PDB file of N, CA and C in Angstrom:
ATOM      1  N   MET A   1     102.160  79.120 103.677  1.00  0.00           N
ATOM      2  CA  MET A   1     102.468  79.876 103.233  1.00  0.00           C
ATOM      3  C   MET A   1     102.409  79.651 101.530  1.00  0.00           C
ATOM      4  N   SER A   2     102.753  80.101 100.851  1.00  0.00           N
ATOM      5  CA  SER A   2     102.921  80.003  99.283  1.00  0.00           C
ATOM      6  C   SER A   2     104.385  80.901  97.960  1.00  0.00           C
ATOM      7  N   SER A   3     104.175  79.981  97.221  1.00  0.00           N
ATOM      8  CA  SER A   3     105.594  79.950  97.046  1.00  0.00           C
ATOM      9  C   SER A   3     105.630  80.818  96.399  1.00  0.00           C
ATOM     10  N   TYR A   4     106.744  81.448  95.816  1.00  0.00           N
ATOM     11  CA  TYR A   4     106.802  82.872  94.224  1.00  0.00           C
ATOM     12  C   TYR A   4     107.730  82.204  93.503  1.00  0.00           C
ATOM     13  N   LEU A   5     107.229  82.923  92.306  1.00  0.00           N
ATOM     14  CA  LEU A   5     108.750  82.712  91.681  1.00  0.00           C
ATOM     15  C   LEU A   5     108.948  84.731  91.111  1.00  0.00           C
ATOM     16  N   ALA A   6     110.285  85.356  91.584  1.00  0.00           N
ATOM     17  CA  ALA A   6     110.253  86.738  91.008  1.00  0.00           C
ATOM     18  C   ALA A   6     111.649  86.570  89.433  1.00  0.00           C
ATOM     19  N   ARG A   7     111.739  87.253  89.093  1.00  0.00           N
ATOM     20  CA  ARG A   7     112.269  86.884  87.500  1.00  0.00           C
ATOM     21  C   ARG A   7     112.487  88.870  87.906  1.00  0.00           C
ATOM     22  N   VAL A   8     114.119  89.093  88.233  1.00  0.00           N
ATOM     23  CA  VAL A   8     114.731  90.345  88.337  1.00  0.00           C
ATOM     24  C   VAL A   8     115.656  90.420  87.278  1.00  0.00           C
ATOM     25  N   TYR A   9     115.130  92.331  86.869  1.00  0.00           N
ATOM     26  CA  TYR A   9     115.724  92.511  85.597  1.00  0.00           C
ATOM     27  C   TYR A   9     116.203  93.761  86.030  1.00  0.00           C
ATOM     28  N   VAL A  10     118.158  93.716  86.414  1.00  0.00           N
ATOM     29  CA  VAL A  10     119.107  94.737  86.601  1.00  0.00           C
ATOM     30  C   VAL A  10     119.414  95.271  85.212  1.00  0.00           C
ATOM     31  N   THR A  11     119.686  96.325  85.100  1.00  0.00           N
ATOM     32  CA  THR A  11     119.856  97.657  83.673  1.00  0.00           C
ATOM     33  C   THR A  11     120.892  98.634  84.170  1.00  0.00           C
ATOM     34  N   PRO A  12     121.570  99.171  83.854  1.00  0.00           N
ATOM     35  CA  PRO A  12     122.598 100.100  84.171  1.00  0.00           C
ATOM     36  C   PRO A  12     121.591 101.529  83.796  1.00  0.00           C
ATOM     37  N   LYS A  13     122.030 102.436  84.257  1.00  0.00           N
ATOM     38  CA  LYS A  13     121.104 103.875  84.469  1.00  0.00           C
ATOM     39  C   LYS A  13     121.272 104.476  83.359  1.00  0.00           C
ATOM     40  N   ARG A  14     119.973 105.464  82.369  1.00  0.00           N
ATOM     41  CA  ARG A  14     120.505 105.427  81.172  1.00  0.00           C
ATOM     42  C   ARG A  14     121.319 106.824  80.851  1.00  0.00           C
ATOM     43  N   SER A  15     121.499 107.456  82.923  1.00  0.00           N
ATOM     44  CA  SER A  15     123.249 108.271  82.591  1.00  0.00           C
ATOM     45  C   SER A  15     124.549 107.398  82.331  1.00  0.00           C
ATOM     46  N   VAL A  16     124.348 106.208  82.843  1.00  0.00           N
ATOM     47  CA  VAL A  16     125.503 105.594  83.259  1.00  0.00           C
ATOM     48  C   VAL A  16     126.199 104.604  82.295  1.00  0.00           C
ATOM     49  N   ARG A  17     127.472 104.840  81.242  1.00  0.00           N
ATOM     50  CA  ARG A  17     127.625 104.476  79.945  1.00  0.00           C
ATOM     51  C   ARG A  17     128.242 102.541  80.328  1.00  0.00           C
ATOM     52  N   ASP A  18     127.401 102.360  79.440  1.00  0.00           N
ATOM     53  CA  ASP A  18     126.904 100.951  79.329  1.00  0.00           C
ATOM     54  C   ASP A  18     128.651 100.276  78.407  1.00  0.00           C
ATOM     55  N   PRO A  19     129.445  99.871  78.888  1.00  0.00           N
ATOM     56  CA  PRO A  19     130.763  98.988  77.522  1.00  0.00           C
ATOM     57  C   PRO A  19     130.051  98.014  77.022  1.00  0.00           C
ATOM     58  N   GLU A  20     129.424  97.287  77.641  1.00  0.00           N
ATOM     59  CA  GLU A  20     129.463  96.080  77.333  1.00  0.00           C
ATOM     60  C   GLU A  20     127.765  95.885  76.467  1.00  0.00           C
ATOM     61  N   GLY A  21     127.368  96.141  76.432  1.00  0.00           N
ATOM     62  CA  GLY A  21     126.042  96.597  75.840  1.00  0.00           C
ATOM     63  C   GLY A  21     126.713  97.649  73.767  1.00  0.00           C
ATOM     64  N   SER A  22     127.771  98.803  73.995  1.00  0.00           N
ATOM     65  CA  SER A  22     128.109  98.588  72.952  1.00  0.00           C
ATOM     66  C   SER A  22     128.382  98.282  72.576  1.00  0.00           C
ATOM     67  N   THR A  23     130.161  97.011  73.243  1.00  0.00           N
ATOM     68  CA  THR A  23     130.476  95.994  72.441  1.00  0.00           C
ATOM     69  C   THR A  23     129.547  95.179  71.817  1.00  0.00           C
ATOM     70  N   VAL A  24     128.617  94.646  72.639  1.00  0.00           N
ATOM     71  CA  VAL A  24     127.559  94.382  71.421  1.00  0.00           C
ATOM     72  C   VAL A  24     126.431  94.666  70.514  1.00  0.00           C
ATOM     73  N   GLY A  25     125.649  96.075  70.666  1.00  0.00           N
ATOM     74  CA  GLY A  25     125.449  96.181  70.089  1.00  0.00           C
ATOM     75  C   GLY A  25     126.801  96.567  68.462  1.00  0.00           C
ATOM     76  N   GLU A  26     127.694  97.014  68.894  1.00  0.00           N
ATOM     77  CA  GLU A  26     128.590  97.129  67.403  1.00  0.00           C
ATOM     78  C   GLU A  26     128.674  95.815  67.157  1.00  0.00           C
ATOM     79  N   ALA A  27     129.481  94.415  68.034  1.00  0.00           N
ATOM     80  CA  ALA A  27     129.332  93.564  66.966  1.00  0.00           C
ATOM     81  C   ALA A  27     128.064  92.976  66.272  1.00  0.00           C
ATOM     82  N   LEU A  28     126.515  93.610  66.624  1.00  0.00           N
ATOM     83  CA  LEU A  28     125.842  93.779  65.916  1.00  0.00           C
ATOM     84  C   LEU A  28     125.385  94.167  64.414  1.00  0.00           C
ATOM     85  N   ARG A  29     126.127  94.708  65.091  1.00  0.00           N
ATOM     86  CA  ARG A  29     126.040  95.949  63.127  1.00  0.00           C
ATOM     87  C   ARG A  29     127.480  95.129  62.364  1.00  0.00           C
ATOM     88  N   GLN A  30     128.147  95.508  62.721  1.00  0.00           N
ATOM     89  CA  GLN A  30     129.076  94.548  62.057  1.00  0.00           C
ATOM     90  C   GLN A  30     128.552  92.799  61.650  1.00  0.00           C
ATOM     91  N   LEU A  31     127.364  92.394  61.723  1.00  0.00           N
ATOM     92  CA  LEU A  31     126.540  91.057  61.546  1.00  0.00           C
ATOM     93  C   LEU A  31     126.486  91.156  60.410  1.00  0.00           C
ATOM     94  N   GLY A  32     125.669  92.709  60.634  1.00  0.00           N
ATOM     95  CA  GLY A  32     124.580  92.857  59.374  1.00  0.00           C
ATOM     96  C   GLY A  32     122.557  94.136  60.078  1.00  0.00           C
ATOM     97  N   PHE A  33     122.914  93.881  61.469  1.00  0.00           N
ATOM     98  CA  PHE A  33     121.844  94.109  61.611  1.00  0.00           C
ATOM     99  C   PHE A  33     121.725  95.972  61.659  1.00  0.00           C
ATOM    100  N   ASP A  34     121.467  96.601  60.777  1.00  0.00           N
ATOM    101  CA  ASP A  34     121.631  97.730  60.674  1.00  0.00           C
ATOM    102  C   ASP A  34     120.698  98.869  61.264  1.00  0.00           C
ATOM    103  N   SER A  35     119.745  98.252  61.575  1.00  0.00           N
ATOM    104  CA  SER A  35     118.698  98.564  62.202  1.00  0.00           C
ATOM    105  C   SER A  35     118.336  98.789  62.866  1.00  0.00           C
ATOM    106  N   LEU A  36     119.915  98.427  64.145  1.00  0.00           N
ATOM    107  CA  LEU A  36     120.004  97.839  65.771  1.00  0.00           C
ATOM    108  C   LEU A  36     120.166  99.962  65.860  1.00  0.00           C
ATOM    109  N   GLN A  37     119.436 100.180  67.117  1.00  0.00           N
ATOM    110  CA  GLN A  37     119.641 101.892  67.583  1.00  0.00           C
ATOM    111  C   GLN A  37     120.654 101.901  69.080  1.00  0.00           C
ATOM    112  N   ALA A  38     120.075 100.689  69.467  1.00  0.00           N
ATOM    113  CA  ALA A  38     120.796 100.812  71.214  1.00  0.00           C
ATOM    114  C   ALA A  38     120.539  99.139  72.167  1.00  0.00           C
ATOM    115  N   VAL A  39     121.802  99.173  72.096  1.00  0.00           N
ATOM    116  CA  VAL A  39     122.199  97.251  73.406  1.00  0.00           C
ATOM    117  C   VAL A  39     121.767  98.119  74.780  1.00  0.00           C
ATOM    118  N   ARG A  40     121.158  97.534  75.722  1.00  0.00           N
ATOM    119  CA  ARG A  40     121.654  97.864  76.973  1.00  0.00           C
ATOM    120  C   ARG A  40     122.376  96.219  77.470  1.00  0.00           C
ATOM    121  N   ALA A  41     122.814  96.141  77.982  1.00  0.00           N
ATOM    122  CA  ALA A  41     123.596  95.024  78.621  1.00  0.00           C
ATOM    123  C   ALA A  41     122.750  94.562  80.038  1.00  0.00           C
ATOM    124  N   GLY A  42     122.767  93.344  81.302  1.00  0.00           N
ATOM    125  CA  GLY A  42     122.338  93.697  81.573  1.00  0.00           C
ATOM    126  C   GLY A  42     122.752  91.846  82.392  1.00  0.00           C
ATOM    127  N   LYS A  43     121.829  92.851  83.979  1.00  0.00           N
ATOM    128  CA  LYS A  43     121.614  90.956  84.486  1.00  0.00           C
ATOM    129  C   LYS A  43     120.399  90.395  84.811  1.00  0.00           C
ATOM    130  N   TYR A  44     120.563  89.300  84.799  1.00  0.00           N
ATOM    131  CA  TYR A  44     118.430  88.501  85.161  1.00  0.00           C
ATOM    132  C   TYR A  44     119.108  87.632  86.173  1.00  0.00           C
ATOM    133  N   PHE A  45     117.720  87.854  86.902  1.00  0.00           N
ATOM    134  CA  PHE A  45     117.956  86.293  88.131  1.00  0.00           C
ATOM    135  C   PHE A  45     116.274  86.232  88.255  1.00  0.00           C
ATOM    136  N   GLU A  46     116.595  84.753  88.960  1.00  0.00           N
ATOM    137  CA  GLU A  46     114.899  83.723  88.960  1.00  0.00           C
ATOM    138  C   GLU A  46     115.405  83.843  90.287  1.00  0.00           C
ATOM    139  N   LEU A  47     114.524  84.598  91.303  1.00  0.00           N
ATOM    140  CA  LEU A  47     114.212  84.264  92.573  1.00  0.00           C
ATOM    141  C   LEU A  47     113.561  83.263  93.370  1.00  0.00           C
ATOM    142  N   SER A  48     113.565  82.111  94.316  1.00  0.00           N
ATOM    143  CA  SER A  48     111.937  81.125  94.781  1.00  0.00           C
ATOM    144  C   SER A  48     112.684  81.411  96.005  1.00  0.00           C
ATOM    145  N   LEU A  49     111.150  81.785  96.029  1.00  0.00           N
ATOM    146  CA  LEU A  49     111.104  81.872  97.314  1.00  0.00           C
ATOM    147  C   LEU A  49     109.020  82.258  98.421  1.00  0.00           C
ATOM    148  N   GLU A  50     109.626  81.678  99.306  1.00  0.00           N
ATOM    149  CA  GLU A  50     108.049  81.570  99.927  1.00  0.00           C
ATOM    150  C   GLU A  50     107.801  82.302 101.319  1.00  0.00           C
ATOM    151  N   ALA A  51     106.411  82.788 100.682  1.00  0.00           N
ATOM    152  CA  ALA A  51     105.889  84.222 101.600  1.00  0.00           C
ATOM    153  C   ALA A  51     104.493  83.744 101.739  1.00  0.00           C
ATOM    154  N   GLY A  52     103.817  84.928 103.150  1.00  0.00           N
ATOM    155  CA  GLY A  52     103.206  84.614 103.350  1.00  0.00           C
ATOM    156  C   GLY A  52     101.915  84.904 102.326  1.00  0.00           C
ATOM    157  N   THR A  53     101.840  86.578 101.886  1.00  0.00           N
ATOM    158  CA  THR A  53     102.076  87.010 101.208  1.00  0.00           C
ATOM    159  C   THR A  53     101.684  87.449 100.035  1.00  0.00           C
ATOM    160  N   SER A  54     101.099  87.914  98.725  1.00  0.00           N
ATOM    161  CA  SER A  54     102.140  88.621  97.883  1.00  0.00           C
ATOM    162  C   SER A  54     103.084  89.794  98.163  1.00  0.00           C
ATOM    163  N   GLY A  55     102.251  90.288  98.814  1.00  0.00           N
ATOM    164  CA  GLY A  55     102.863  91.838  99.321  1.00  0.00           C
ATOM    165  C   GLY A  55     103.753  91.605 100.109  1.00  0.00           C
ATOM    166  N   GLU A  56     104.318  91.030 100.951  1.00  0.00           N
ATOM    167  CA  GLU A  56     105.235  89.793 101.925  1.00  0.00           C
ATOM    168  C   GLU A  56     106.337  89.721 100.914  1.00  0.00           C
ATOM    169  N   ALA A  57     105.723  88.981  99.650  1.00  0.00           N
ATOM    170  CA  ALA A  57     106.945  88.224  98.547  1.00  0.00           C
ATOM    171  C   ALA A  57     107.697  89.282  98.280  1.00  0.00           C
ATOM    172  N   ASP A  58     106.586  91.007  97.895  1.00  0.00           N
ATOM    173  CA  ASP A  58     106.753  91.750  96.532  1.00  0.00           C
ATOM    174  C   ASP A  58     107.767  92.349  97.433  1.00  0.00           C
ATOM    175  N   GLY A  59     107.721  92.661  99.101  1.00  0.00           N
ATOM    176  CA  GLY A  59     109.127  93.505  99.744  1.00  0.00           C
ATOM    177  C   GLY A  59     110.327  92.964 100.530  1.00  0.00           C
ATOM    178  N   ALA A  60     109.594  91.305  99.781  1.00  0.00           N
ATOM    179  CA  ALA A  60     111.232  90.465 100.169  1.00  0.00           C
ATOM    180  C   ALA A  60     112.375  90.756  99.179  1.00  0.00           C
ATOM    181  N   VAL A  61     111.134  91.099  97.849  1.00  0.00           N
ATOM    182  CA  VAL A  61     112.796  91.059  96.420  1.00  0.00           C
ATOM    183  C   VAL A  61     112.621  92.018  96.544  1.00  0.00           C
ATOM    184  N   GLU A  62     111.867  93.486  96.879  1.00  0.00           N
ATOM    185  CA  GLU A  62     112.537  95.061  97.229  1.00  0.00           C
ATOM    186  C   GLU A  62     114.082  94.928  96.769  1.00  0.00           C
ATOM    187  N   ARG A  63     113.649  94.551  98.718  1.00  0.00           N
ATOM    188  CA  ARG A  63     114.899  93.976  99.605  1.00  0.00           C
ATOM    189  C   ARG A  63     115.735  93.931  98.876  1.00  0.00           C
ATOM    190  N   MET A  64     115.904  93.096  98.922  1.00  0.00           N
ATOM    191  CA  MET A  64     116.924  92.224  97.995  1.00  0.00           C
ATOM    192  C   MET A  64     117.569  92.703  96.653  1.00  0.00           C
ATOM    193  N   CYS A  65     116.498  92.963  96.209  1.00  0.00           N
ATOM    194  CA  CYS A  65     117.057  93.797  95.101  1.00  0.00           C
ATOM    195  C   CYS A  65     118.429  95.484  95.605  1.00  0.00           C
ATOM    196  N   ARG A  66     117.377  96.492  96.819  1.00  0.00           N
ATOM    197  CA  ARG A  66     118.439  97.312  97.080  1.00  0.00           C
ATOM    198  C   ARG A  66     119.390  97.312  97.501  1.00  0.00           C
ATOM    199  N   GLN A  67     119.627  95.349  98.255  1.00  0.00           N
ATOM    200  CA  GLN A  67     120.308  95.515  99.007  1.00  0.00           C
ATOM    201  C   GLN A  67     121.530  94.602  98.906  1.00  0.00           C
ATOM    202  N   LEU A  68     122.115  93.833  97.202  1.00  0.00           N
ATOM    203  CA  LEU A  68     122.427  93.107  96.687  1.00  0.00           C
ATOM    204  C   LEU A  68     122.327  92.973  95.926  1.00  0.00           C
ATOM    205  N   LEU A  69     121.152  92.680  95.218  1.00  0.00           N
ATOM    206  CA  LEU A  69     121.228  91.974  93.362  1.00  0.00           C
ATOM    207  C   LEU A  69     121.570  93.119  93.086  1.00  0.00           C
ATOM    208  N   ALA A  70     121.061  95.167  93.284  1.00  0.00           N
ATOM    209  CA  ALA A  70     121.071  95.817  92.279  1.00  0.00           C
ATOM    210  C   ALA A  70     121.836  97.202  92.944  1.00  0.00           C
ATOM    211  N   ASN A  71     123.160  98.276  91.898  1.00  0.00           N
ATOM    212  CA  ASN A  71     123.538  99.292  93.314  1.00  0.00           C
ATOM    213  C   ASN A  71     122.836 100.298  92.844  1.00  0.00           C
ATOM    214  N   PRO A  72     121.972 100.628  93.565  1.00  0.00           N
ATOM    215  CA  PRO A  72     121.086 101.892  92.732  1.00  0.00           C
ATOM    216  C   PRO A  72     121.528 103.056  92.428  1.00  0.00           C
ATOM    217  N   VAL A  73     123.018 103.021  93.070  1.00  0.00           N
ATOM    218  CA  VAL A  73     124.378 104.549  92.430  1.00  0.00           C
ATOM    219  C   VAL A  73     123.556 105.037  91.039  1.00  0.00           C
ATOM    220  N   ILE A  74     124.054 103.322  90.577  1.00  0.00           N
ATOM    221  CA  ILE A  74     124.472 103.031  88.781  1.00  0.00           C
ATOM    222  C   ILE A  74     123.474 101.715  88.480  1.00  0.00           C
ATOM    223  N   GLU A  75     122.483 101.257  88.807  1.00  0.00           N
ATOM    224  CA  GLU A  75     121.469 100.208  88.024  1.00  0.00           C
ATOM    225  C   GLU A  75     119.782 101.164  88.872  1.00  0.00           C
ATOM    226  N   ASP A  76     118.808 100.321  87.432  1.00  0.00           N
ATOM    227  CA  ASP A  76     117.933 100.334  87.958  1.00  0.00           C
ATOM    228  C   ASP A  76     117.521  99.400  87.930  1.00  0.00           C
ATOM    229  N   PHE A  77     116.133  98.717  88.522  1.00  0.00           N
ATOM    230  CA  PHE A  77     115.629  97.711  88.088  1.00  0.00           C
ATOM    231  C   PHE A  77     114.043  97.073  88.308  1.00  0.00           C
ATOM    232  N   ARG A  78     114.262  96.269  88.094  1.00  0.00           N
ATOM    233  CA  ARG A  78     112.197  95.676  87.685  1.00  0.00           C
ATOM    234  C   ARG A  78     111.982  94.307  88.375  1.00  0.00           C
ATOM    235  N   PHE A  79     111.307  94.211  88.616  1.00  0.00           N
ATOM    236  CA  PHE A  79     110.724  92.046  89.117  1.00  0.00           C
ATOM    237  C   PHE A  79     108.989  92.417  88.710  1.00  0.00           C
ATOM    238  N   GLU A  80     109.468  90.558  88.457  1.00  0.00           N
ATOM    239  CA  GLU A  80     107.599  90.121  88.011  1.00  0.00           C
ATOM    240  C   GLU A  80     107.559  89.025  88.782  1.00  0.00           C
ATOM    241  N   LEU A  81     106.553  89.065  89.627  1.00  0.00           N
ATOM    242  CA  LEU A  81     106.339  88.708  90.937  1.00  0.00           C
ATOM    243  C   LEU A  81     105.457  87.112  90.205  1.00  0.00           C
ATOM    244  N   GLN A  82     105.735  85.522  90.639  1.00  0.00           N
ATOM    245  CA  GLN A  82     104.046  85.264  90.169  1.00  0.00           C
ATOM    246  C   GLN A  82     104.106  83.855  91.253  1.00  0.00           C
ATOM    247  N   VAL A  83     102.980  83.098  91.557  1.00  0.00           N
ATOM    248  CA  VAL A  83     102.796  82.649  91.973  1.00  0.00           C
ATOM    249  C   VAL A  83     103.034  81.168  91.613  1.00  0.00           C
ATOM    250  N   GLU A  84     103.715  80.519  92.624  1.00  0.00           N
ATOM    251  CA  GLU A  84     104.347  78.770  92.163  1.00  0.00           C
ATOM    252  C   GLU A  84     102.667  78.032  92.163  1.00  0.00           C
ATOM    253  N   ALA A  85     102.559  78.026  93.881  1.00  0.00           N
ATOM    254  CA  ALA A  85     102.008  76.769  94.210  1.00  0.00           C
ATOM    255  C   ALA A  85     101.731  77.056  96.474  1.00  0.00           C
ATOM    256  N   SER A  86     101.088  76.652  96.210  1.00  0.00           N
ATOM    257  CA  SER A  86     100.414  76.723  97.797  1.00  0.00           C
ATOM    258  C   SER A  86     101.408  75.656  98.659  1.00  0.00           C
ATOM    259  N   SER A  87     101.945  75.617  99.406  1.00  0.00           N
ATOM    260  CA  SER A  87     102.339  74.463 100.280  1.00  0.00           C
ATOM    261  C   SER A  87     102.264  74.741 101.486  1.00  0.00           C
ATOM    262  N   GLU A  88     101.089  74.130 102.099  1.00  0.00           N
ATOM    263  CA  GLU A  88     100.387  73.420 103.760  1.00  0.00           C
ATOM    264  C   GLU A  88     100.422  72.255 104.023  1.00  0.00           C
TER     265      GLU A  88
END
């Protein structure tokens, strides 16, 4: 078994209104960041897990995202998977 670290990024789909991102964007413009074009707010998760292979870890994280971490109707997700250490 190996230990993995997954970094998961969840954001609203482009077609979905993002009131939090709009509010943050407006606040940044008021602070003088005039070159700012857009802000999309989202969620970030770090998951530590054990799996036999990177493929198993990848599949588990994919299922976690689809079943709980992201709402597939209104959100997109992506993740990065990193091997942490081998435990034997």
